[in-house]
Every structure is written in C-alpha cells, then in structure tokens.
Amino acid sequence: GIAHQSKRLSPPFIPLLLYIASLRERAMDMGDHQEGGSDSQQQLQERRKRQRRHTPEQIRKLEESFQKCGYPDEAQSAQLGRELGLENKQIRSWFQNHRTQMKVEYERAENLFLREENTRLLSENMVMREVLKNFICLNPNCIAKHYIDQQEELDKENARLKAGSLLCATSFQDEL
C-alpha cells in the first residue's frame, strides 16, 4: 500500500499535545514505581499483565515510527514487528489506536482553543455593546443610533411577547 503522511497540526495545538504526551509518560512512570496495594489494585495489575501491554521500549519505538509516518504500509509494519518482536496485527492495531488517540487529543485541544476564543469574542462583544449604548451621535443618519433604537424596540417586543405567552399559559391552566 501507499504510505500516508500524518496530518500536520496547527501551531497553537502542538505545545498542548506535547504537554498531554508528557503527562501520559509521567503516569506510565508512576505506574511502574507503585508496589503492592489493595486486592483490587493487584487484580488490576494481573489483568493488565494478561493483556500483554507493550514494553516502554516498544512504545518508544512505535511512537518514533508514528512520528515519521502515521500510516505504515505492510513492509514497514512487518519490519517494525520483526524489530520489536510483535505480530503485524499488533502493529496495525497499535497504529490505529494511536491515530484515534491523537485525533481525540487534537480535538480536545481544538475545543479548548475554540472555547477560549469564544469567551474572548463574547467579552469583546459585550464591551462593544456597552460602548454603543453610551455612544452619543449628533448626526441624525447615524447607524449606531439606529441600531440602538432598533435593539430597544426589539427588547420591548420580546418582553411584551413573553408576558403574553405567560398570561396565555396561566389562563390555559386555570381552565383545566
């Protein structure tokens, strides 16, 4: 098959993804240093052993390979499998899982960025609205004055409609 290039990430997200990766590494290191624990922790460790987790060295080499190419072809997968002592199916599964994980992390980072951008824009919008409210325009054809007057009329109409719908709902319940 044809080797595909992994997606390039936008600059604001790269540091966040590196930070997430460092947290993941620290969590793995902390897991290696824990001893004993309660029965539930021991059972969890036994189950993890049965799942045949990859060694830190295998993961390092897999991630190194992933950085070069996120979609290895059959020959690359077979070569990597021979080097790491893993089956081709395990290599393909790891790459698929890692691509999915990277996509989720990228989407989380993008979501965080967009939320912050949205908050910034909402704040800016509120400031602009306050400026427009206090804006004095001496020109009768001033667009800002027209906008403010139109907004006040819409606010009054909304209040009237809400009051009317509450009145209708109250009278409807009284009839029941």
N, C-alpha and C. Protein backbone atom coordinates (compact mmCIF):
# COMPACT_ATOMS: atom_id res chain seq x y z
N GLY A 1 0.82 -1.18 0.00
CA GLY A 1 0.00 0.00 0.00
C GLY A 1 0.86 1.24 0.00
N ILE A 2 0.23 2.35 -0.18
CA ILE A 2 0.91 3.64 -0.19
C ILE A 2 0.98 4.18 1.23
N ALA A 3 2.15 4.63 1.64
CA ALA A 3 2.30 5.21 2.98
C ALA A 3 1.68 6.60 2.97
N HIS A 4 0.82 6.86 3.95
CA HIS A 4 0.16 8.15 4.06
C HIS A 4 0.94 9.02 5.04
N GLN A 5 0.93 10.30 4.82
CA GLN A 5 1.55 11.23 5.75
C GLN A 5 0.54 11.56 6.84
N SER A 6 1.02 11.67 8.08
CA SER A 6 0.11 12.04 9.17
C SER A 6 -0.25 13.51 9.01
N LYS A 7 -1.42 13.88 9.55
CA LYS A 7 -1.89 15.26 9.43
C LYS A 7 -0.95 16.19 10.18
N ARG A 8 -0.74 17.36 9.62
CA ARG A 8 0.07 18.37 10.29
C ARG A 8 -0.86 19.17 11.20
N LEU A 9 -0.38 19.46 12.40
CA LEU A 9 -1.20 20.18 13.36
C LEU A 9 -0.88 21.67 13.31
N SER A 10 -1.87 22.46 13.61
CA SER A 10 -1.68 23.90 13.65
C SER A 10 -0.78 24.25 14.84
N PRO A 11 0.05 25.28 14.71
CA PRO A 11 0.99 25.64 15.76
C PRO A 11 0.41 25.79 17.16
N PRO A 12 -0.79 26.38 17.38
CA PRO A 12 -1.24 26.55 18.76
C PRO A 12 -1.50 25.22 19.47
N PHE A 13 -1.74 24.15 18.74
CA PHE A 13 -2.11 22.89 19.35
C PHE A 13 -0.90 22.01 19.66
N ILE A 14 0.21 22.22 18.99
CA ILE A 14 1.37 21.36 19.16
C ILE A 14 1.87 21.38 20.60
N PRO A 15 2.06 22.55 21.25
CA PRO A 15 2.52 22.53 22.64
C PRO A 15 1.55 21.80 23.56
N LEU A 16 0.26 21.94 23.34
CA LEU A 16 -0.72 21.26 24.17
C LEU A 16 -0.59 19.75 24.02
N LEU A 17 -0.42 19.28 22.79
CA LEU A 17 -0.27 17.84 22.56
C LEU A 17 1.02 17.32 23.19
N LEU A 18 2.09 18.10 23.14
CA LEU A 18 3.34 17.70 23.80
C LEU A 18 3.15 17.62 25.30
N TYR A 19 2.40 18.56 25.85
CA TYR A 19 2.11 18.55 27.29
C TYR A 19 1.31 17.31 27.66
N ILE A 20 0.29 16.97 26.87
CA ILE A 20 -0.52 15.78 27.11
C ILE A 20 0.35 14.53 27.06
N ALA A 21 1.26 14.47 26.08
CA ALA A 21 2.15 13.32 25.96
C ALA A 21 3.06 13.21 27.18
N SER A 22 3.55 14.34 27.69
CA SER A 22 4.42 14.30 28.87
C SER A 22 3.65 13.82 30.10
N LEU A 23 2.38 14.22 30.20
CA LEU A 23 1.55 13.74 31.31
C LEU A 23 1.35 12.23 31.22
N ARG A 24 1.14 11.74 30.01
CA ARG A 24 0.96 10.31 29.80
C ARG A 24 2.22 9.55 30.21
N GLU A 25 3.39 10.08 29.83
CA GLU A 25 4.65 9.43 30.19
C GLU A 25 4.84 9.41 31.70
N ARG A 26 4.53 10.53 32.38
CA ARG A 26 4.66 10.58 33.83
C ARG A 26 3.74 9.57 34.49
N ALA A 27 2.52 9.43 33.97
CA ALA A 27 1.57 8.47 34.52
C ALA A 27 2.09 7.05 34.37
N MET A 28 2.71 6.76 33.20
CA MET A 28 3.28 5.43 32.98
C MET A 28 4.43 5.19 33.95
N ASP A 29 5.28 6.20 34.16
CA ASP A 29 6.41 6.06 35.09
C ASP A 29 5.92 5.83 36.51
N MET A 30 4.88 6.55 36.91
CA MET A 30 4.34 6.39 38.25
C MET A 30 3.77 4.99 38.43
N GLY A 31 3.15 4.47 37.40
CA GLY A 31 2.60 3.11 37.45
C GLY A 31 3.69 2.07 37.62
N ASP A 32 4.88 2.30 37.06
CA ASP A 32 5.99 1.36 37.17
C ASP A 32 6.56 1.33 38.58
N HIS A 33 6.44 2.44 39.34
CA HIS A 33 7.08 2.53 40.63
C HIS A 33 6.16 2.13 41.78
N GLN A 34 4.90 1.87 41.52
CA GLN A 34 3.97 1.51 42.58
C GLN A 34 4.21 0.07 43.00
N GLU A 35 4.09 -0.18 44.30
CA GLU A 35 4.27 -1.54 44.79
C GLU A 35 3.03 -1.97 45.54
N GLY A 36 2.73 -3.28 45.49
CA GLY A 36 1.65 -3.85 46.28
C GLY A 36 0.34 -3.15 46.09
N GLY A 37 -0.33 -2.89 47.22
CA GLY A 37 -1.60 -2.19 47.17
C GLY A 37 -2.72 -3.09 47.60
N SER A 38 -3.92 -2.65 47.45
CA SER A 38 -5.08 -3.45 47.84
C SER A 38 -5.30 -4.57 46.84
N ASP A 39 -6.23 -5.47 47.20
CA ASP A 39 -6.54 -6.60 46.31
C ASP A 39 -7.00 -6.12 44.94
N SER A 40 -7.81 -5.03 44.90
CA SER A 40 -8.32 -4.55 43.62
C SER A 40 -7.17 -4.05 42.75
N GLN A 41 -6.17 -3.41 43.35
CA GLN A 41 -5.02 -2.96 42.57
C GLN A 41 -4.22 -4.15 42.04
N GLN A 42 -4.07 -5.19 42.87
CA GLN A 42 -3.34 -6.37 42.43
C GLN A 42 -4.09 -7.08 41.31
N GLN A 43 -5.41 -7.16 41.43
CA GLN A 43 -6.21 -7.77 40.37
C GLN A 43 -6.09 -6.99 39.08
N LEU A 44 -6.10 -5.68 39.19
CA LEU A 44 -5.96 -4.82 38.01
C LEU A 44 -4.60 -5.06 37.36
N GLN A 45 -3.54 -5.14 38.18
CA GLN A 45 -2.20 -5.38 37.63
C GLN A 45 -2.12 -6.74 36.95
N GLU A 46 -2.75 -7.76 37.54
CA GLU A 46 -2.74 -9.10 36.93
C GLU A 46 -3.48 -9.08 35.59
N ARG A 47 -4.61 -8.37 35.54
CA ARG A 47 -5.37 -8.30 34.30
C ARG A 47 -4.56 -7.59 33.22
N ARG A 48 -3.86 -6.53 33.62
CA ARG A 48 -3.03 -5.81 32.67
C ARG A 48 -1.90 -6.69 32.15
N LYS A 49 -1.36 -7.52 33.01
CA LYS A 49 -0.30 -8.42 32.56
C LYS A 49 -0.83 -9.39 31.53
N ARG A 50 -2.04 -9.89 31.72
CA ARG A 50 -2.64 -10.82 30.76
C ARG A 50 -2.91 -10.15 29.43
N GLN A 51 -3.12 -8.83 29.45
CA GLN A 51 -3.41 -8.12 28.22
C GLN A 51 -2.15 -7.90 27.39
N ARG A 52 -1.01 -8.29 27.91
CA ARG A 52 0.26 -8.18 27.19
C ARG A 52 0.52 -6.75 26.73
N ARG A 53 0.65 -5.89 27.67
CA ARG A 53 0.98 -4.50 27.36
C ARG A 53 2.36 -4.44 26.72
N HIS A 54 2.55 -3.43 25.90
CA HIS A 54 3.85 -3.25 25.26
C HIS A 54 4.85 -2.72 26.28
N THR A 55 6.10 -3.04 26.09
CA THR A 55 7.14 -2.53 26.97
C THR A 55 7.38 -1.05 26.67
N PRO A 56 7.95 -0.32 27.62
CA PRO A 56 8.26 1.10 27.35
C PRO A 56 9.16 1.27 26.12
N GLU A 57 10.10 0.35 25.92
CA GLU A 57 10.98 0.44 24.76
C GLU A 57 10.19 0.23 23.46
N GLN A 58 9.26 -0.73 23.45
CA GLN A 58 8.42 -0.95 22.26
C GLN A 58 7.58 0.29 21.97
N ILE A 59 7.00 0.86 23.02
CA ILE A 59 6.16 2.05 22.84
C ILE A 59 7.00 3.20 22.30
N ARG A 60 8.20 3.37 22.84
CA ARG A 60 9.08 4.44 22.37
C ARG A 60 9.36 4.28 20.88
N LYS A 61 9.68 3.05 20.46
CA LYS A 61 9.98 2.82 19.04
C LYS A 61 8.73 2.97 18.17
N LEU A 62 7.59 2.52 18.68
CA LEU A 62 6.34 2.68 17.93
C LEU A 62 6.01 4.17 17.76
N GLU A 63 6.15 4.95 18.82
CA GLU A 63 5.86 6.38 18.73
C GLU A 63 6.86 7.09 17.81
N GLU A 64 8.11 6.65 17.87
CA GLU A 64 9.13 7.21 16.98
C GLU A 64 8.76 6.94 15.52
N SER A 65 8.32 5.73 15.26
CA SER A 65 7.90 5.36 13.91
C SER A 65 6.64 6.12 13.51
N PHE A 66 5.73 6.32 14.47
CA PHE A 66 4.49 7.04 14.20
C PHE A 66 4.79 8.49 13.80
N GLN A 67 5.80 9.09 14.43
CA GLN A 67 6.17 10.46 14.10
C GLN A 67 6.63 10.57 12.64
N LYS A 68 7.28 9.53 12.16
CA LYS A 68 7.76 9.53 10.77
C LYS A 68 6.60 9.31 9.80
N CYS A 69 5.74 8.35 10.14
CA CYS A 69 4.62 8.01 9.25
C CYS A 69 3.50 7.41 10.08
N GLY A 70 2.33 8.04 10.03
CA GLY A 70 1.18 7.55 10.79
C GLY A 70 0.46 6.38 10.15
N TYR A 71 0.79 6.09 8.88
CA TYR A 71 0.15 5.00 8.14
C TYR A 71 1.22 4.12 7.49
N PRO A 72 1.84 3.23 8.27
CA PRO A 72 2.87 2.39 7.67
C PRO A 72 2.26 1.36 6.71
N ASP A 73 2.98 1.06 5.62
CA ASP A 73 2.50 0.03 4.71
C ASP A 73 2.86 -1.35 5.26
N GLU A 74 2.49 -2.39 4.54
CA GLU A 74 2.73 -3.76 5.00
C GLU A 74 4.20 -4.03 5.29
N ALA A 75 5.07 -3.58 4.39
CA ALA A 75 6.50 -3.83 4.56
C ALA A 75 7.03 -3.12 5.82
N GLN A 76 6.61 -1.88 6.02
CA GLN A 76 7.05 -1.14 7.20
C GLN A 76 6.52 -1.78 8.48
N SER A 77 5.26 -2.24 8.46
CA SER A 77 4.68 -2.91 9.63
C SER A 77 5.42 -4.20 9.93
N ALA A 78 5.71 -4.98 8.89
CA ALA A 78 6.41 -6.25 9.07
C ALA A 78 7.81 -6.01 9.64
N GLN A 79 8.51 -5.02 9.11
CA GLN A 79 9.85 -4.70 9.59
C GLN A 79 9.81 -4.27 11.05
N LEU A 80 8.88 -3.40 11.38
CA LEU A 80 8.74 -2.92 12.75
C LEU A 80 8.38 -4.07 13.69
N GLY A 81 7.50 -4.96 13.22
CA GLY A 81 7.13 -6.13 14.01
C GLY A 81 8.33 -7.02 14.30
N ARG A 82 9.18 -7.24 13.29
CA ARG A 82 10.37 -8.06 13.49
C ARG A 82 11.31 -7.40 14.50
N GLU A 83 11.48 -6.08 14.38
CA GLU A 83 12.38 -5.37 15.29
C GLU A 83 11.89 -5.40 16.73
N LEU A 84 10.58 -5.35 16.91
CA LEU A 84 10.00 -5.26 18.26
C LEU A 84 9.50 -6.59 18.81
N GLY A 85 9.51 -7.62 17.97
CA GLY A 85 9.01 -8.92 18.42
C GLY A 85 7.50 -8.94 18.56
N LEU A 86 6.81 -8.20 17.70
CA LEU A 86 5.35 -8.14 17.73
C LEU A 86 4.79 -8.65 16.40
N GLU A 87 3.54 -9.11 16.44
CA GLU A 87 2.88 -9.56 15.22
C GLU A 87 2.44 -8.35 14.40
N ASN A 88 2.28 -8.56 13.11
CA ASN A 88 1.85 -7.49 12.21
C ASN A 88 0.49 -6.93 12.66
N LYS A 89 -0.39 -7.82 13.13
CA LYS A 89 -1.72 -7.40 13.60
C LYS A 89 -1.59 -6.46 14.80
N GLN A 90 -0.65 -6.74 15.70
CA GLN A 90 -0.43 -5.89 16.87
C GLN A 90 0.07 -4.51 16.44
N ILE A 91 0.94 -4.49 15.44
CA ILE A 91 1.48 -3.22 14.93
C ILE A 91 0.34 -2.40 14.33
N ARG A 92 -0.47 -3.04 13.47
CA ARG A 92 -1.58 -2.32 12.84
C ARG A 92 -2.56 -1.80 13.89
N SER A 93 -2.87 -2.62 14.90
CA SER A 93 -3.80 -2.21 15.95
C SER A 93 -3.24 -1.03 16.74
N TRP A 94 -1.94 -1.10 17.07
CA TRP A 94 -1.35 -0.01 17.83
C TRP A 94 -1.43 1.29 17.04
N PHE A 95 -1.10 1.24 15.75
CA PHE A 95 -1.13 2.46 14.94
C PHE A 95 -2.56 3.00 14.83
N GLN A 96 -3.52 2.10 14.64
CA GLN A 96 -4.92 2.55 14.55
C GLN A 96 -5.36 3.20 15.86
N ASN A 97 -5.04 2.55 16.98
CA ASN A 97 -5.41 3.11 18.28
C ASN A 97 -4.70 4.43 18.53
N HIS A 98 -3.44 4.51 18.14
CA HIS A 98 -2.69 5.74 18.37
C HIS A 98 -3.22 6.88 17.49
N ARG A 99 -3.60 6.57 16.24
CA ARG A 99 -4.19 7.61 15.39
C ARG A 99 -5.49 8.12 16.01
N THR A 100 -6.30 7.20 16.52
CA THR A 100 -7.56 7.59 17.16
C THR A 100 -7.29 8.44 18.39
N GLN A 101 -6.33 8.02 19.19
CA GLN A 101 -5.99 8.76 20.40
C GLN A 101 -5.48 10.15 20.06
N MET A 102 -4.64 10.26 19.05
CA MET A 102 -4.12 11.56 18.65
C MET A 102 -5.24 12.46 18.13
N LYS A 103 -6.19 11.86 17.40
CA LYS A 103 -7.32 12.63 16.88
C LYS A 103 -8.14 13.19 18.05
N VAL A 104 -8.40 12.35 19.05
CA VAL A 104 -9.18 12.78 20.21
C VAL A 104 -8.44 13.90 20.95
N GLU A 105 -7.14 13.73 21.16
CA GLU A 105 -6.36 14.75 21.85
C GLU A 105 -6.34 16.05 21.04
N TYR A 106 -6.21 15.94 19.74
CA TYR A 106 -6.22 17.12 18.88
C TYR A 106 -7.57 17.83 18.97
N GLU A 107 -8.66 17.04 18.93
CA GLU A 107 -9.99 17.64 19.00
C GLU A 107 -10.23 18.29 20.36
N ARG A 108 -9.71 17.68 21.43
CA ARG A 108 -9.84 18.30 22.76
C ARG A 108 -9.09 19.63 22.80
N ALA A 109 -7.87 19.62 22.25
CA ALA A 109 -7.08 20.85 22.24
C ALA A 109 -7.77 21.92 21.39
N GLU A 110 -8.31 21.51 20.26
CA GLU A 110 -9.01 22.45 19.39
C GLU A 110 -10.26 22.99 20.09
N ASN A 111 -10.97 22.11 20.78
CA ASN A 111 -12.17 22.51 21.51
C ASN A 111 -11.82 23.54 22.59
N LEU A 112 -10.75 23.28 23.33
CA LEU A 112 -10.31 24.21 24.35
C LEU A 112 -9.95 25.56 23.74
N PHE A 113 -9.20 25.52 22.64
CA PHE A 113 -8.83 26.75 21.95
C PHE A 113 -10.06 27.52 21.50
N LEU A 114 -11.04 26.81 20.91
CA LEU A 114 -12.25 27.47 20.42
C LEU A 114 -13.10 28.02 21.55
N ARG A 115 -13.14 27.32 22.68
CA ARG A 115 -13.88 27.83 23.83
C ARG A 115 -13.26 29.14 24.33
N GLU A 116 -11.92 29.14 24.42
CA GLU A 116 -11.24 30.35 24.86
C GLU A 116 -11.48 31.49 23.87
N GLU A 117 -11.43 31.17 22.59
CA GLU A 117 -11.68 32.19 21.56
C GLU A 117 -13.11 32.71 21.65
N ASN A 118 -14.06 31.80 21.90
CA ASN A 118 -15.46 32.19 22.03
C ASN A 118 -15.66 33.10 23.24
N THR A 119 -15.02 32.75 24.36
CA THR A 119 -15.12 33.58 25.56
C THR A 119 -14.55 34.96 25.29
N ARG A 120 -13.41 35.01 24.61
CA ARG A 120 -12.79 36.30 24.28
C ARG A 120 -13.72 37.13 23.40
N LEU A 121 -14.32 36.50 22.39
CA LEU A 121 -15.22 37.21 21.48
C LEU A 121 -16.48 37.69 22.20
N LEU A 122 -17.02 36.87 23.10
CA LEU A 122 -18.20 37.29 23.87
C LEU A 122 -17.88 38.50 24.72
N SER A 123 -16.71 38.49 25.35
CA SER A 123 -16.31 39.64 26.16
C SER A 123 -16.16 40.88 25.29
N GLU A 124 -15.52 40.70 24.16
CA GLU A 124 -15.34 41.82 23.23
C GLU A 124 -16.69 42.36 22.76
N ASN A 125 -17.61 41.46 22.48
CA ASN A 125 -18.95 41.84 22.03
C ASN A 125 -19.67 42.64 23.12
N MET A 126 -19.55 42.17 24.37
CA MET A 126 -20.21 42.89 25.46
C MET A 126 -19.63 44.29 25.61
N VAL A 127 -18.33 44.42 25.48
CA VAL A 127 -17.69 45.73 25.58
C VAL A 127 -18.20 46.63 24.46
N MET A 128 -18.26 46.09 23.25
CA MET A 128 -18.74 46.89 22.12
C MET A 128 -20.19 47.31 22.31
N ARG A 129 -21.01 46.44 22.85
CA ARG A 129 -22.42 46.80 23.11
C ARG A 129 -22.51 47.94 24.12
N GLU A 130 -21.68 47.86 25.18
CA GLU A 130 -21.68 48.92 26.18
C GLU A 130 -21.22 50.24 25.56
N VAL A 131 -20.23 50.18 24.72
CA VAL A 131 -19.75 51.39 24.05
C VAL A 131 -20.85 51.98 23.19
N LEU A 132 -21.56 51.12 22.46
CA LEU A 132 -22.65 51.61 21.61
C LEU A 132 -23.80 52.21 22.43
N LYS A 133 -24.06 51.63 23.60
CA LYS A 133 -25.13 52.18 24.44
C LYS A 133 -24.80 53.60 24.89
N ASN A 134 -23.55 53.83 25.19
CA ASN A 134 -23.12 55.13 25.70
C ASN A 134 -22.67 56.08 24.59
N PHE A 135 -22.79 55.65 23.37
CA PHE A 135 -22.33 56.43 22.22
C PHE A 135 -23.33 57.54 21.93
N ILE A 136 -22.86 58.74 21.84
CA ILE A 136 -23.73 59.88 21.52
C ILE A 136 -23.43 60.27 20.08
N CYS A 137 -24.47 60.22 19.28
CA CYS A 137 -24.30 60.54 17.86
C CYS A 137 -25.17 61.75 17.54
N LEU A 138 -24.54 62.78 17.08
CA LEU A 138 -25.26 64.01 16.77
C LEU A 138 -25.84 63.99 15.35
N ASN A 139 -25.33 63.13 14.53
CA ASN A 139 -25.79 63.01 13.14
C ASN A 139 -27.11 62.22 13.13
N PRO A 140 -28.20 62.77 12.57
CA PRO A 140 -29.49 62.05 12.56
C PRO A 140 -29.46 60.77 11.71
N ASN A 141 -28.54 60.67 10.78
CA ASN A 141 -28.43 59.48 9.94
C ASN A 141 -27.44 58.45 10.52
N CYS A 142 -27.05 58.62 11.75
CA CYS A 142 -26.05 57.76 12.39
C CYS A 142 -26.55 56.32 12.49
N ILE A 143 -25.74 55.41 12.02
CA ILE A 143 -26.11 53.99 12.03
C ILE A 143 -26.17 53.45 13.46
N ALA A 144 -25.25 53.87 14.31
CA ALA A 144 -25.22 53.39 15.69
C ALA A 144 -26.51 53.74 16.42
N LYS A 145 -26.99 54.97 16.24
CA LYS A 145 -28.23 55.40 16.90
C LYS A 145 -29.40 54.55 16.40
N HIS A 146 -29.43 54.31 15.10
CA HIS A 146 -30.49 53.48 14.52
C HIS A 146 -30.44 52.07 15.12
N TYR A 147 -29.24 51.53 15.24
CA TYR A 147 -29.07 50.18 15.78
C TYR A 147 -29.56 50.12 17.23
N ILE A 148 -29.19 51.12 18.04
CA ILE A 148 -29.58 51.14 19.45
C ILE A 148 -31.09 51.27 19.57
N ASP A 149 -31.69 52.15 18.79
CA ASP A 149 -33.14 52.32 18.82
C ASP A 149 -33.84 51.02 18.41
N GLN A 150 -33.33 50.39 17.36
CA GLN A 150 -33.91 49.13 16.88
C GLN A 150 -33.78 48.04 17.95
N GLN A 151 -32.64 47.97 18.62
CA GLN A 151 -32.42 46.98 19.67
C GLN A 151 -33.38 47.21 20.84
N GLU A 152 -33.60 48.46 21.22
CA GLU A 152 -34.53 48.78 22.30
C GLU A 152 -35.94 48.36 21.93
N GLU A 153 -36.35 48.61 20.68
CA GLU A 153 -37.68 48.20 20.23
C GLU A 153 -37.82 46.68 20.27
N LEU A 154 -36.80 45.97 19.83
CA LEU A 154 -36.84 44.50 19.86
C LEU A 154 -36.91 43.98 21.29
N ASP A 155 -36.17 44.59 22.20
CA ASP A 155 -36.21 44.18 23.61
C ASP A 155 -37.61 44.38 24.19
N LYS A 156 -38.23 45.52 23.88
CA LYS A 156 -39.59 45.79 24.37
C LYS A 156 -40.58 44.77 23.79
N GLU A 157 -40.45 44.47 22.50
CA GLU A 157 -41.33 43.50 21.84
C GLU A 157 -41.15 42.11 22.45
N ASN A 158 -39.92 41.72 22.71
CA ASN A 158 -39.67 40.42 23.35
C ASN A 158 -40.31 40.34 24.73
N ALA A 159 -40.18 41.40 25.51
CA ALA A 159 -40.77 41.43 26.84
C ALA A 159 -42.29 41.32 26.76
N ARG A 160 -42.89 42.05 25.79
CA ARG A 160 -44.35 42.01 25.61
C ARG A 160 -44.80 40.60 25.22
N LEU A 161 -44.07 39.96 24.31
CA LEU A 161 -44.44 38.61 23.87
C LEU A 161 -44.28 37.58 24.99
N LYS A 162 -43.23 37.72 25.78
CA LYS A 162 -43.04 36.80 26.91
C LYS A 162 -44.17 36.95 27.91
N ALA A 163 -44.53 38.19 28.21
CA ALA A 163 -45.62 38.44 29.15
C ALA A 163 -46.93 37.86 28.61
N GLY A 164 -47.15 38.02 27.31
CA GLY A 164 -48.37 37.49 26.69
C GLY A 164 -48.40 35.97 26.72
N SER A 165 -47.27 35.33 26.47
CA SER A 165 -47.25 33.86 26.47
C SER A 165 -47.43 33.33 27.88
N LEU A 166 -46.88 34.03 28.90
CA LEU A 166 -47.09 33.61 30.29
C LEU A 166 -48.55 33.77 30.68
N LEU A 167 -49.16 34.85 30.21
CA LEU A 167 -50.57 35.10 30.50
C LEU A 167 -51.43 34.01 29.88
N CYS A 168 -51.12 33.64 28.63
CA CYS A 168 -51.86 32.57 27.95
C CYS A 168 -51.69 31.23 28.67
N ALA A 169 -50.48 30.93 29.08
CA ALA A 169 -50.24 29.65 29.76
C ALA A 169 -50.96 29.61 31.10
N THR A 170 -50.97 30.72 31.82
CA THR A 170 -51.65 30.78 33.11
C THR A 170 -53.16 30.62 32.94
N SER A 171 -53.74 31.32 31.97
CA SER A 171 -55.19 31.23 31.76
C SER A 171 -55.59 29.85 31.26
N PHE A 172 -54.72 29.20 30.49
CA PHE A 172 -55.00 27.85 29.99
C PHE A 172 -55.05 26.87 31.14
N GLN A 173 -54.11 27.00 32.11
CA GLN A 173 -54.11 26.10 33.26
C GLN A 173 -55.30 26.35 34.15
N ASP A 174 -55.75 27.60 34.25
CA ASP A 174 -56.92 27.92 35.06
C ASP A 174 -58.17 27.25 34.49
N GLU A 175 -58.23 27.09 33.16
CA GLU A 175 -59.39 26.45 32.54
C GLU A 175 -59.41 24.96 32.81
N LEU A 176 -58.25 24.34 33.02
CA LEU A 176 -58.19 22.90 33.30
C LEU A 176 -58.62 22.66 34.70
